Amino acid sequence: VIAAGDIVPAKKPAPDIYTYTLEKMGLHAEECLAFEDSENGILSSAAANIPTLITTNAYTEQHDFSPAALVVNPLGEPNQPFTVKQGDALGFNYVNADLLVRLHGAGVA
């Protein structure tokens, strides 16, 4: 599924892009984990009830990401750990598949 802002009635921060994608893929929000990098993004994914991992950048590091499951900068690598801005990294120091499974399994929202 390719989902872009021009195929839904309202752009982020509305949840339309997420609800469209969930519908097209036949998924429920609790089966997913969103990746975002802006306040509009977290507002959109949170309104769709999708747990969200945020990675900040120079333009968004001061945004309000309070609904996020985890906020990091950058995503990190084994020898270059991320900085946790908000949330519980569950003992991980970079984003990998194991962390994503644990975040999703923890039911964080």
PDB file of N, CA and C in Angstrom:
ATOM      1  N   VAL A   1       0.847  -1.177   0.000  1.00  0.00           N
ATOM      2  CA  VAL A   1       0.000   0.000   0.000  1.00  0.00           C
ATOM      3  C   VAL A   1       0.887   1.232   0.000  1.00  0.00           C
ATOM      4  N   ILE A   2       0.622   2.125  -0.920  1.00  0.00           N
ATOM      5  CA  ILE A   2       1.283   3.424  -0.926  1.00  0.00           C
ATOM      6  C   ILE A   2       0.241   4.435  -0.505  1.00  0.00           C
ATOM      7  N   ALA A   3       0.517   5.134   0.574  1.00  0.00           N
ATOM      8  CA  ALA A   3      -0.428   6.120   1.095  1.00  0.00           C
ATOM      9  C   ALA A   3       0.253   7.475   1.165  1.00  0.00           C
ATOM     10  N   ALA A   4      -0.363   8.460   0.565  1.00  0.00           N
ATOM     11  CA  ALA A   4       0.182   9.813   0.551  1.00  0.00           C
ATOM     12  C   ALA A   4      -0.927  10.792   0.898  1.00  0.00           C
ATOM     13  N   GLY A   5      -0.525  11.950   1.362  1.00  0.00           N
ATOM     14  CA  GLY A   5      -1.480  12.948   1.820  1.00  0.00           C
ATOM     15  C   GLY A   5      -2.503  13.386   0.797  1.00  0.00           C
ATOM     16  N   ASP A   6      -2.209  13.207  -0.480  1.00  0.00           N
ATOM     17  CA  ASP A   6      -3.153  13.671  -1.503  1.00  0.00           C
ATOM     18  C   ASP A   6      -4.288  12.684  -1.778  1.00  0.00           C
ATOM     19  N   ILE A   7      -4.329  11.554  -1.074  1.00  0.00           N
ATOM     20  CA  ILE A   7      -5.400  10.584  -1.312  1.00  0.00           C
ATOM     21  C   ILE A   7      -6.412  10.518  -0.174  1.00  0.00           C
ATOM     22  N   VAL A   8      -6.228  11.363   0.832  1.00  0.00           N
ATOM     23  CA  VAL A   8      -7.161  11.392   1.968  1.00  0.00           C
ATOM     24  C   VAL A   8      -7.726  12.798   2.119  1.00  0.00           C
ATOM     25  N   PRO A   9      -8.912  12.920   2.732  1.00  0.00           N
ATOM     26  CA  PRO A   9      -9.547  14.236   2.850  1.00  0.00           C
ATOM     27  C   PRO A   9      -8.748  15.259   3.654  1.00  0.00           C
ATOM     28  N   ALA A  10      -8.137  14.827   4.765  1.00  0.00           N
ATOM     29  CA  ALA A  10      -7.427  15.778   5.624  1.00  0.00           C
ATOM     30  C   ALA A  10      -5.998  15.303   5.858  1.00  0.00           C
ATOM     31  N   LYS A  11      -5.080  16.244   5.822  1.00  0.00           N
ATOM     32  CA  LYS A  11      -3.673  15.943   6.052  1.00  0.00           C
ATOM     33  C   LYS A  11      -3.380  15.910   7.547  1.00  0.00           C
ATOM     34  N   LYS A  12      -2.183  15.425   7.902  1.00  0.00           N
ATOM     35  CA  LYS A  12      -1.763  15.441   9.297  1.00  0.00           C
ATOM     36  C   LYS A  12      -1.855  16.875   9.820  1.00  0.00           C
ATOM     37  N   PRO A  13      -2.330  17.058  11.014  1.00  0.00           N
ATOM     38  CA  PRO A  13      -2.423  16.134  12.132  1.00  0.00           C
ATOM     39  C   PRO A  13      -3.687  15.275  12.179  1.00  0.00           C
ATOM     40  N   ALA A  14      -4.550  15.354  11.189  1.00  0.00           N
ATOM     41  CA  ALA A  14      -5.715  14.459  11.152  1.00  0.00           C
ATOM     42  C   ALA A  14      -5.217  13.022  10.989  1.00  0.00           C
ATOM     43  N   PRO A  15      -5.949  12.046  11.488  1.00  0.00           N
ATOM     44  CA  PRO A  15      -5.513  10.649  11.397  1.00  0.00           C
ATOM     45  C   PRO A  15      -5.838   9.976  10.067  1.00  0.00           C
ATOM     46  N   ASP A  16      -6.370  10.715   9.111  1.00  0.00           N
ATOM     47  CA  ASP A  16      -6.884  10.129   7.866  1.00  0.00           C
ATOM     48  C   ASP A  16      -5.899   9.206   7.152  1.00  0.00           C
ATOM     49  N   ILE A  17      -4.641   9.594   7.060  1.00  0.00           N
ATOM     50  CA  ILE A  17      -3.670   8.778   6.332  1.00  0.00           C
ATOM     51  C   ILE A  17      -3.461   7.437   7.028  1.00  0.00           C
ATOM     52  N   TYR A  18      -3.489   7.467   8.350  1.00  0.00           N
ATOM     53  CA  TYR A  18      -3.337   6.215   9.099  1.00  0.00           C
ATOM     54  C   TYR A  18      -4.586   5.349   9.002  1.00  0.00           C
ATOM     55  N   THR A  19      -5.747   5.934   9.145  1.00  0.00           N
ATOM     56  CA  THR A  19      -6.975   5.133   9.067  1.00  0.00           C
ATOM     57  C   THR A  19      -7.150   4.556   7.660  1.00  0.00           C
ATOM     58  N   TYR A  20      -6.778   5.320   6.642  1.00  0.00           N
ATOM     59  CA  TYR A  20      -6.813   4.826   5.262  1.00  0.00           C
ATOM     60  C   TYR A  20      -5.897   3.604   5.110  1.00  0.00           C
ATOM     61  N   THR A  21      -4.678   3.730   5.607  1.00  0.00           N
ATOM     62  CA  THR A  21      -3.702   2.650   5.476  1.00  0.00           C
ATOM     63  C   THR A  21      -4.136   1.408   6.248  1.00  0.00           C
ATOM     64  N   LEU A  22      -4.623   1.610   7.466  1.00  0.00           N
ATOM     65  CA  LEU A  22      -5.107   0.470   8.254  1.00  0.00           C
ATOM     66  C   LEU A  22      -6.223  -0.262   7.517  1.00  0.00           C
ATOM     67  N   GLU A  23      -7.150   0.513   6.969  1.00  0.00           N
ATOM     68  CA  GLU A  23      -8.272  -0.084   6.241  1.00  0.00           C
ATOM     69  C   GLU A  23      -7.789  -0.857   5.021  1.00  0.00           C
ATOM     70  N   LYS A  24      -6.910  -0.247   4.234  1.00  0.00           N
ATOM     71  CA  LYS A  24      -6.421  -0.895   3.011  1.00  0.00           C
ATOM     72  C   LYS A  24      -5.624  -2.163   3.310  1.00  0.00           C
ATOM     73  N   MET A  25      -4.931  -2.180   4.459  1.00  0.00           N
ATOM     74  CA  MET A  25      -4.119  -3.338   4.813  1.00  0.00           C
ATOM     75  C   MET A  25      -4.877  -4.353   5.669  1.00  0.00           C
ATOM     76  N   GLY A  26      -6.093  -3.994   6.070  1.00  0.00           N
ATOM     77  CA  GLY A  26      -6.880  -4.901   6.890  1.00  0.00           C
ATOM     78  C   GLY A  26      -6.311  -5.111   8.278  1.00  0.00           C
ATOM     79  N   LEU A  27      -5.735  -4.054   8.837  1.00  0.00           N
ATOM     80  CA  LEU A  27      -5.104  -4.126  10.154  1.00  0.00           C
ATOM     81  C   LEU A  27      -5.844  -3.278  11.169  1.00  0.00           C
ATOM     82  N   HIS A  28      -5.621  -3.606  12.436  1.00  0.00           N
ATOM     83  CA  HIS A  28      -6.111  -2.791  13.543  1.00  0.00           C
ATOM     84  C   HIS A  28      -4.930  -1.998  14.092  1.00  0.00           C
ATOM     85  N   ALA A  29      -5.204  -0.850  14.678  1.00  0.00           N
ATOM     86  CA  ALA A  29      -4.149   0.021  15.191  1.00  0.00           C
ATOM     87  C   ALA A  29      -3.213  -0.704  16.149  1.00  0.00           C
ATOM     88  N   GLU A  30      -3.771  -1.559  16.999  1.00  0.00           N
ATOM     89  CA  GLU A  30      -2.944  -2.249  17.995  1.00  0.00           C
ATOM     90  C   GLU A  30      -1.998  -3.283  17.375  1.00  0.00           C
ATOM     91  N   GLU A  31      -2.143  -3.544  16.090  1.00  0.00           N
ATOM     92  CA  GLU A  31      -1.243  -4.464  15.393  1.00  0.00           C
ATOM     93  C   GLU A  31      -0.058  -3.732  14.765  1.00  0.00           C
ATOM     94  N   CYS A  32      -0.005  -2.417  14.934  1.00  0.00           N
ATOM     95  CA  CYS A  32       0.964  -1.597  14.216  1.00  0.00           C
ATOM     96  C   CYS A  32       1.845  -0.792  15.156  1.00  0.00           C
ATOM     97  N   LEU A  33       2.900  -0.252  14.596  1.00  0.00           N
ATOM     98  CA  LEU A  33       3.782   0.689  15.268  1.00  0.00           C
ATOM     99  C   LEU A  33       4.154   1.732  14.225  1.00  0.00           C
ATOM    100  N   ALA A  34       3.901   2.984  14.528  1.00  0.00           N
ATOM    101  CA  ALA A  34       4.201   4.064  13.580  1.00  0.00           C
ATOM    102  C   ALA A  34       5.573   4.663  13.877  1.00  0.00           C
ATOM    103  N   PHE A  35       6.199   5.183  12.845  1.00  0.00           N
ATOM    104  CA  PHE A  35       7.440   5.945  12.960  1.00  0.00           C
ATOM    105  C   PHE A  35       7.125   7.357  12.513  1.00  0.00           C
ATOM    106  N   GLU A  36       7.458   8.328  13.325  1.00  0.00           N
ATOM    107  CA  GLU A  36       7.200   9.721  12.975  1.00  0.00           C
ATOM    108  C   GLU A  36       8.375  10.583  13.403  1.00  0.00           C
ATOM    109  N   ASP A  37       8.363  11.840  12.920  1.00  0.00           N
ATOM    110  CA  ASP A  37       9.438  12.765  13.278  1.00  0.00           C
ATOM    111  C   ASP A  37       8.956  14.189  13.512  1.00  0.00           C
ATOM    112  N   SER A  38       7.630  14.374  13.626  1.00  0.00           N
ATOM    113  CA  SER A  38       7.110  15.727  13.829  1.00  0.00           C
ATOM    114  C   SER A  38       5.900  15.705  14.748  1.00  0.00           C
ATOM    115  N   GLU A  39       5.555  16.877  15.266  1.00  0.00           N
ATOM    116  CA  GLU A  39       4.385  16.983  16.134  1.00  0.00           C
ATOM    117  C   GLU A  39       3.108  16.637  15.380  1.00  0.00           C
ATOM    118  N   ASN A  40       2.981  17.100  14.144  1.00  0.00           N
ATOM    119  CA  ASN A  40       1.807  16.726  13.346  1.00  0.00           C
ATOM    120  C   ASN A  40       1.746  15.218  13.141  1.00  0.00           C
ATOM    121  N   GLY A  41       2.889  14.591  12.976  1.00  0.00           N
ATOM    122  CA  GLY A  41       2.928  13.145  12.805  1.00  0.00           C
ATOM    123  C   GLY A  41       2.443  12.396  14.030  1.00  0.00           C
ATOM    124  N   ILE A  42       2.913  12.794  15.220  1.00  0.00           N
ATOM    125  CA  ILE A  42       2.481  12.100  16.434  1.00  0.00           C
ATOM    126  C   ILE A  42       1.015  12.385  16.722  1.00  0.00           C
ATOM    127  N   LEU A  43       0.549  13.578  16.421  1.00  0.00           N
ATOM    128  CA  LEU A  43      -0.875  13.874  16.611  1.00  0.00           C
ATOM    129  C   LEU A  43      -1.721  12.986  15.705  1.00  0.00           C
ATOM    130  N   SER A  44      -1.257  12.764  14.494  1.00  0.00           N
ATOM    131  CA  SER A  44      -1.971  11.926  13.535  1.00  0.00           C
ATOM    132  C   SER A  44      -1.989  10.466  13.969  1.00  0.00           C
ATOM    133  N   SER A  45      -0.832   9.923  14.297  1.00  0.00           N
ATOM    134  CA  SER A  45      -0.772   8.511  14.693  1.00  0.00           C
ATOM    135  C   SER A  45      -1.483   8.274  16.021  1.00  0.00           C
ATOM    136  N   ALA A  46      -1.369   9.206  16.950  1.00  0.00           N
ATOM    137  CA  ALA A  46      -2.055   9.064  18.241  1.00  0.00           C
ATOM    138  C   ALA A  46      -3.569   9.110  18.058  1.00  0.00           C
ATOM    139  N   ALA A  47      -4.045   9.977  17.169  1.00  0.00           N
ATOM    140  CA  ALA A  47      -5.490  10.055  16.911  1.00  0.00           C
ATOM    141  C   ALA A  47      -6.012   8.763  16.284  1.00  0.00           C
ATOM    142  N   ALA A  48      -5.123   8.032  15.613  1.00  0.00           N
ATOM    143  CA  ALA A  48      -5.489   6.732  15.041  1.00  0.00           C
ATOM    144  C   ALA A  48      -5.215   5.591  16.027  1.00  0.00           C
ATOM    145  N   ASN A  49      -4.774   5.944  17.243  1.00  0.00           N
ATOM    146  CA  ASN A  49      -4.486   4.969  18.312  1.00  0.00           C
ATOM    147  C   ASN A  49      -3.349   4.012  17.984  1.00  0.00           C
ATOM    148  N   ILE A  50      -2.370   4.489  17.221  1.00  0.00           N
ATOM    149  CA  ILE A  50      -1.222   3.661  16.863  1.00  0.00           C
ATOM    150  C   ILE A  50      -0.032   4.057  17.735  1.00  0.00           C
ATOM    151  N   PRO A  51       0.546   3.104  18.482  1.00  0.00           N
ATOM    152  CA  PRO A  51       1.761   3.415  19.235  1.00  0.00           C
ATOM    153  C   PRO A  51       2.830   3.926  18.274  1.00  0.00           C
ATOM    154  N   THR A  52       3.620   4.899  18.741  1.00  0.00           N
ATOM    155  CA  THR A  52       4.530   5.587  17.827  1.00  0.00           C
ATOM    156  C   THR A  52       5.923   5.748  18.401  1.00  0.00           C
ATOM    157  N   LEU A  53       6.921   5.477  17.566  1.00  0.00           N
ATOM    158  CA  LEU A  53       8.311   5.760  17.864  1.00  0.00           C
ATOM    159  C   LEU A  53       8.662   7.041  17.122  1.00  0.00           C
ATOM    160  N   ILE A  54       9.253   7.980  17.840  1.00  0.00           N
ATOM    161  CA  ILE A  54       9.646   9.260  17.246  1.00  0.00           C
ATOM    162  C   ILE A  54      11.156   9.334  17.166  1.00  0.00           C
ATOM    163  N   THR A  55      11.655   9.807  16.038  1.00  0.00           N
ATOM    164  CA  THR A  55      13.046  10.207  15.947  1.00  0.00           C
ATOM    165  C   THR A  55      13.044  11.693  15.612  1.00  0.00           C
ATOM    166  N   THR A  56      13.729  12.456  16.429  1.00  0.00           N
ATOM    167  CA  THR A  56      13.720  13.908  16.248  1.00  0.00           C
ATOM    168  C   THR A  56      14.823  14.332  15.287  1.00  0.00           C
ATOM    169  N   ASN A  57      14.713  15.576  14.862  1.00  0.00           N
ATOM    170  CA  ASN A  57      15.749  16.185  14.043  1.00  0.00           C
ATOM    171  C   ASN A  57      15.887  17.639  14.482  1.00  0.00           C
ATOM    172  N   ALA A  58      16.772  18.368  13.869  1.00  0.00           N
ATOM    173  CA  ALA A  58      17.033  19.749  14.280  1.00  0.00           C
ATOM    174  C   ALA A  58      15.785  20.624  14.220  1.00  0.00           C
ATOM    175  N   TYR A  59      14.881  20.325  13.324  1.00  0.00           N
ATOM    176  CA  TYR A  59      13.673  21.130  13.177  1.00  0.00           C
ATOM    177  C   TYR A  59      12.573  20.738  14.157  1.00  0.00           C
ATOM    178  N   THR A  60      12.614  19.508  14.664  1.00  0.00           N
ATOM    179  CA  THR A  60      11.494  19.025  15.473  1.00  0.00           C
ATOM    180  C   THR A  60      11.851  18.682  16.915  1.00  0.00           C
ATOM    181  N   GLU A  61      13.100  18.847  17.314  1.00  0.00           N
ATOM    182  CA  GLU A  61      13.493  18.398  18.646  1.00  0.00           C
ATOM    183  C   GLU A  61      12.757  19.103  19.779  1.00  0.00           C
ATOM    184  N   GLN A  62      12.165  20.255  19.528  1.00  0.00           N
ATOM    185  CA  GLN A  62      11.419  20.969  20.568  1.00  0.00           C
ATOM    186  C   GLN A  62       9.911  20.719  20.495  1.00  0.00           C
ATOM    187  N   HIS A  63       9.463  19.886  19.581  1.00  0.00           N
ATOM    188  CA  HIS A  63       8.028  19.598  19.453  1.00  0.00           C
ATOM    189  C   HIS A  63       7.526  18.795  20.648  1.00  0.00           C
ATOM    190  N   ASP A  64       6.218  18.830  20.857  1.00  0.00           N
ATOM    191  CA  ASP A  64       5.581  18.065  21.925  1.00  0.00           C
ATOM    192  C   ASP A  64       5.281  16.661  21.416  1.00  0.00           C
ATOM    193  N   PHE A  65       5.994  15.690  21.951  1.00  0.00           N
ATOM    194  CA  PHE A  65       5.807  14.297  21.559  1.00  0.00           C
ATOM    195  C   PHE A  65       5.231  13.467  22.698  1.00  0.00           C
ATOM    196  N   SER A  66       4.517  14.110  23.604  1.00  0.00           N
ATOM    197  CA  SER A  66       4.042  13.415  24.802  1.00  0.00           C
ATOM    198  C   SER A  66       3.238  12.142  24.527  1.00  0.00           C
ATOM    199  N   PRO A  67       2.480  12.019  23.434  1.00  0.00           N
ATOM    200  CA  PRO A  67       1.757  10.757  23.220  1.00  0.00           C
ATOM    201  C   PRO A  67       2.644   9.590  22.751  1.00  0.00           C
ATOM    202  N   ALA A  68       3.915   9.846  22.445  1.00  0.00           N
ATOM    203  CA  ALA A  68       4.773   8.822  21.842  1.00  0.00           C
ATOM    204  C   ALA A  68       5.174   7.733  22.830  1.00  0.00           C
ATOM    205  N   ALA A  69       5.371   6.527  22.305  1.00  0.00           N
ATOM    206  CA  ALA A  69       5.879   5.406  23.096  1.00  0.00           C
ATOM    207  C   ALA A  69       7.344   5.631  23.456  1.00  0.00           C
ATOM    208  N   LEU A  70       8.107   6.161  22.502  1.00  0.00           N
ATOM    209  CA  LEU A  70       9.532   6.390  22.691  1.00  0.00           C
ATOM    210  C   LEU A  70       9.970   7.498  21.753  1.00  0.00           C
ATOM    211  N   VAL A  71      10.815   8.399  22.272  1.00  0.00           N
ATOM    212  CA  VAL A  71      11.380   9.479  21.467  1.00  0.00           C
ATOM    213  C   VAL A  71      12.895   9.380  21.584  1.00  0.00           C
ATOM    214  N   VAL A  72      13.562   9.243  20.437  1.00  0.00           N
ATOM    215  CA  VAL A  72      15.017   9.115  20.412  1.00  0.00           C
ATOM    216  C   VAL A  72      15.614  10.039  19.360  1.00  0.00           C
ATOM    217  N   ASN A  73      16.919  10.260  19.495  1.00  0.00           N
ATOM    218  CA  ASN A  73      17.659  11.015  18.497  1.00  0.00           C
ATOM    219  C   ASN A  73      19.104  10.567  18.568  1.00  0.00           C
ATOM    220  N   PRO A  74      19.658  10.100  17.487  1.00  0.00           N
ATOM    221  CA  PRO A  74      19.046   9.575  16.269  1.00  0.00           C
ATOM    222  C   PRO A  74      18.522   8.167  16.529  1.00  0.00           C
ATOM    223  N   LEU A  75      18.297   7.391  15.476  1.00  0.00           N
ATOM    224  CA  LEU A  75      17.862   6.007  15.665  1.00  0.00           C
ATOM    225  C   LEU A  75      18.965   5.152  16.281  1.00  0.00           C
ATOM    226  N   GLY A  76      20.205   5.575  16.108  1.00  0.00           N
ATOM    227  CA  GLY A  76      21.337   4.887  16.700  1.00  0.00           C
ATOM    228  C   GLY A  76      21.809   3.696  15.892  1.00  0.00           C
ATOM    229  N   GLU A  77      22.968   3.210  16.289  1.00  0.00           N
ATOM    230  CA  GLU A  77      23.586   2.019  15.718  1.00  0.00           C
ATOM    231  C   GLU A  77      24.319   1.319  16.854  1.00  0.00           C
ATOM    232  N   PRO A  78      24.739   0.071  16.666  1.00  0.00           N
ATOM    233  CA  PRO A  78      25.386  -0.639  17.770  1.00  0.00           C
ATOM    234  C   PRO A  78      26.528   0.136  18.433  1.00  0.00           C
ATOM    235  N   ASN A  79      27.331   0.824  17.643  1.00  0.00           N
ATOM    236  CA  ASN A  79      28.457   1.578  18.206  1.00  0.00           C
ATOM    237  C   ASN A  79      28.177   3.064  18.342  1.00  0.00           C
ATOM    238  N   GLN A  80      26.965   3.490  18.015  1.00  0.00           N
ATOM    239  CA  GLN A  80      26.567   4.890  18.141  1.00  0.00           C
ATOM    240  C   GLN A  80      25.162   4.931  18.724  1.00  0.00           C
ATOM    241  N   PRO A  81      25.054   4.883  20.057  1.00  0.00           N
ATOM    242  CA  PRO A  81      23.735   4.794  20.687  1.00  0.00           C
ATOM    243  C   PRO A  81      22.897   6.050  20.493  1.00  0.00           C
ATOM    244  N   PHE A  82      21.583   5.847  20.553  1.00  0.00           N
ATOM    245  CA  PHE A  82      20.677   6.983  20.516  1.00  0.00           C
ATOM    246  C   PHE A  82      20.635   7.658  21.879  1.00  0.00           C
ATOM    247  N   THR A  83      20.069   8.847  21.898  1.00  0.00           N
ATOM    248  CA  THR A  83      19.752   9.537  23.139  1.00  0.00           C
ATOM    249  C   THR A  83      18.256   9.413  23.330  1.00  0.00           C
ATOM    250  N   VAL A  84      17.854   8.928  24.494  1.00  0.00           N
ATOM    251  CA  VAL A  84      16.427   8.820  24.795  1.00  0.00           C
ATOM    252  C   VAL A  84      15.939  10.185  25.252  1.00  0.00           C
ATOM    253  N   LYS A  85      15.000  10.748  24.517  1.00  0.00           N
ATOM    254  CA  LYS A  85      14.409  12.044  24.850  1.00  0.00           C
ATOM    255  C   LYS A  85      13.181  11.869  25.733  1.00  0.00           C
ATOM    256  N   GLN A  86      12.489  10.743  25.560  1.00  0.00           N
ATOM    257  CA  GLN A  86      11.257  10.480  26.308  1.00  0.00           C
ATOM    258  C   GLN A  86      10.924   9.001  26.198  1.00  0.00           C
ATOM    259  N   GLY A  87      10.443   8.423  27.268  1.00  0.00           N
ATOM    260  CA  GLY A  87       9.996   7.037  27.242  1.00  0.00           C
ATOM    261  C   GLY A  87      11.032   6.070  27.774  1.00  0.00           C
ATOM    262  N   ASP A  88      10.731   4.805  27.653  1.00  0.00           N
ATOM    263  CA  ASP A  88      11.572   3.723  28.152  1.00  0.00           C
ATOM    264  C   ASP A  88      12.104   2.928  26.969  1.00  0.00           C
ATOM    265  N   ALA A  89      13.418   2.927  26.803  1.00  0.00           N
ATOM    266  CA  ALA A  89      14.049   2.203  25.700  1.00  0.00           C
ATOM    267  C   ALA A  89      14.220   0.720  26.019  1.00  0.00           C
ATOM    268  N   LEU A  90      13.711   0.286  27.158  1.00  0.00           N
ATOM    269  CA  LEU A  90      13.671  -1.134  27.520  1.00  0.00           C
ATOM    270  C   LEU A  90      15.047  -1.786  27.494  1.00  0.00           C
ATOM    271  N   GLY A  91      16.077  -1.006  27.843  1.00  0.00           N
ATOM    272  CA  GLY A  91      17.434  -1.530  27.898  1.00  0.00           C
ATOM    273  C   GLY A  91      18.195  -1.476  26.588  1.00  0.00           C
ATOM    274  N   PHE A  92      17.579  -1.016  25.535  1.00  0.00           N
ATOM    275  CA  PHE A  92      18.237  -0.921  24.228  1.00  0.00           C
ATOM    276  C   PHE A  92      18.926   0.434  24.096  1.00  0.00           C
ATOM    277  N   ASN A  93      19.961   0.506  23.240  1.00  0.00           N
ATOM    278  CA  ASN A  93      20.619   1.790  23.001  1.00  0.00           C
ATOM    279  C   ASN A  93      20.644   2.169  21.522  1.00  0.00           C
ATOM    280  N   TYR A  94      19.941   1.391  20.700  1.00  0.00           N
ATOM    281  CA  TYR A  94      19.712   1.753  19.300  1.00  0.00           C
ATOM    282  C   TYR A  94      18.454   1.031  18.837  1.00  0.00           C
ATOM    283  N   VAL A  95      17.814   1.579  17.816  1.00  0.00           N
ATOM    284  CA  VAL A  95      16.578   0.986  17.310  1.00  0.00           C
ATOM    285  C   VAL A  95      16.929  -0.205  16.428  1.00  0.00           C
ATOM    286  N   ASN A  96      16.354  -1.347  16.773  1.00  0.00           N
ATOM    287  CA  ASN A  96      16.502  -2.550  15.961  1.00  0.00           C
ATOM    288  C   ASN A  96      15.192  -3.327  16.038  1.00  0.00           C
ATOM    289  N   ALA A  97      15.114  -4.416  15.318  1.00  0.00           N
ATOM    290  CA  ALA A  97      13.866  -5.185  15.273  1.00  0.00           C
ATOM    291  C   ALA A  97      13.452  -5.679  16.654  1.00  0.00           C
ATOM    292  N   ASP A  98      14.416  -6.066  17.477  1.00  0.00           N
ATOM    293  CA  ASP A  98      14.084  -6.547  18.820  1.00  0.00           C
ATOM    294  C   ASP A  98      13.428  -5.454  19.658  1.00  0.00           C
ATOM    295  N   LEU A  99      13.945  -4.238  19.585  1.00  0.00           N
ATOM    296  CA  LEU A  99      13.331  -3.130  20.320  1.00  0.00           C
ATOM    297  C   LEU A  99      11.915  -2.884  19.818  1.00  0.00           C
ATOM    298  N   LEU A 100      11.724  -2.896  18.520  1.00  0.00           N
ATOM    299  CA  LEU A 100      10.395  -2.643  17.961  1.00  0.00           C
ATOM    300  C   LEU A 100       9.397  -3.700  18.416  1.00  0.00           C
ATOM    301  N   VAL A 101       9.817  -4.951  18.431  1.00  0.00           N
ATOM    302  CA  VAL A 101       8.944  -6.028  18.906  1.00  0.00           C
ATOM    303  C   VAL A 101       8.617  -5.817  20.377  1.00  0.00           C
ATOM    304  N   ARG A 102       9.609  -5.446  21.169  1.00  0.00           N
ATOM    305  CA  ARG A 102       9.376  -5.217  22.604  1.00  0.00           C
ATOM    306  C   ARG A 102       8.475  -4.013  22.829  1.00  0.00           C
ATOM    307  N   LEU A 103       8.693  -2.928  22.093  1.00  0.00           N
ATOM    308  CA  LEU A 103       7.818  -1.755  22.221  1.00  0.00           C
ATOM    309  C   LEU A 103       6.385  -2.131  21.887  1.00  0.00           C
ATOM    310  N   HIS A 104       6.221  -2.827  20.795  1.00  0.00           N
ATOM    311  CA  HIS A 104       4.886  -3.229  20.369  1.00  0.00           C
ATOM    312  C   HIS A 104       4.264  -4.177  21.382  1.00  0.00           C
ATOM    313  N   GLY A 105       5.033  -5.138  21.854  1.00  0.00           N
ATOM    314  CA  GLY A 105       4.541  -6.113  22.817  1.00  0.00           C
ATOM    315  C   GLY A 105       4.230  -5.518  24.171  1.00  0.00           C
ATOM    316  N   ALA A 106       4.888  -4.403  24.505  1.00  0.00           N
ATOM    317  CA  ALA A 106       4.647  -3.749  25.791  1.00  0.00           C
ATOM    318  C   ALA A 106       3.309  -3.029  25.795  1.00  0.00           C
ATOM    319  N   GLY A 107       2.719  -2.897  24.627  1.00  0.00           N
ATOM    320  CA  GLY A 107       1.421  -2.225  24.543  1.00  0.00           C
ATOM    321  C   GLY A 107       1.495  -0.751  24.859  1.00  0.00           C
ATOM    322  N   VAL A 108       2.665  -0.153  24.633  1.00  0.00           N
ATOM    323  CA  VAL A 108       2.828   1.265  24.909  1.00  0.00           C
ATOM    324  C   VAL A 108       2.071   2.066  23.876  1.00  0.00           C
ATOM    325  N   ALA A 109       1.495   3.149  24.319  1.00  0.00           N
ATOM    326  CA  ALA A 109       0.743   3.990  23.388  1.00  0.00           C
ATOM    327  C   ALA A 109       1.033   5.440  23.641  1.00  0.00           C
TER     328      ALA A 109
END
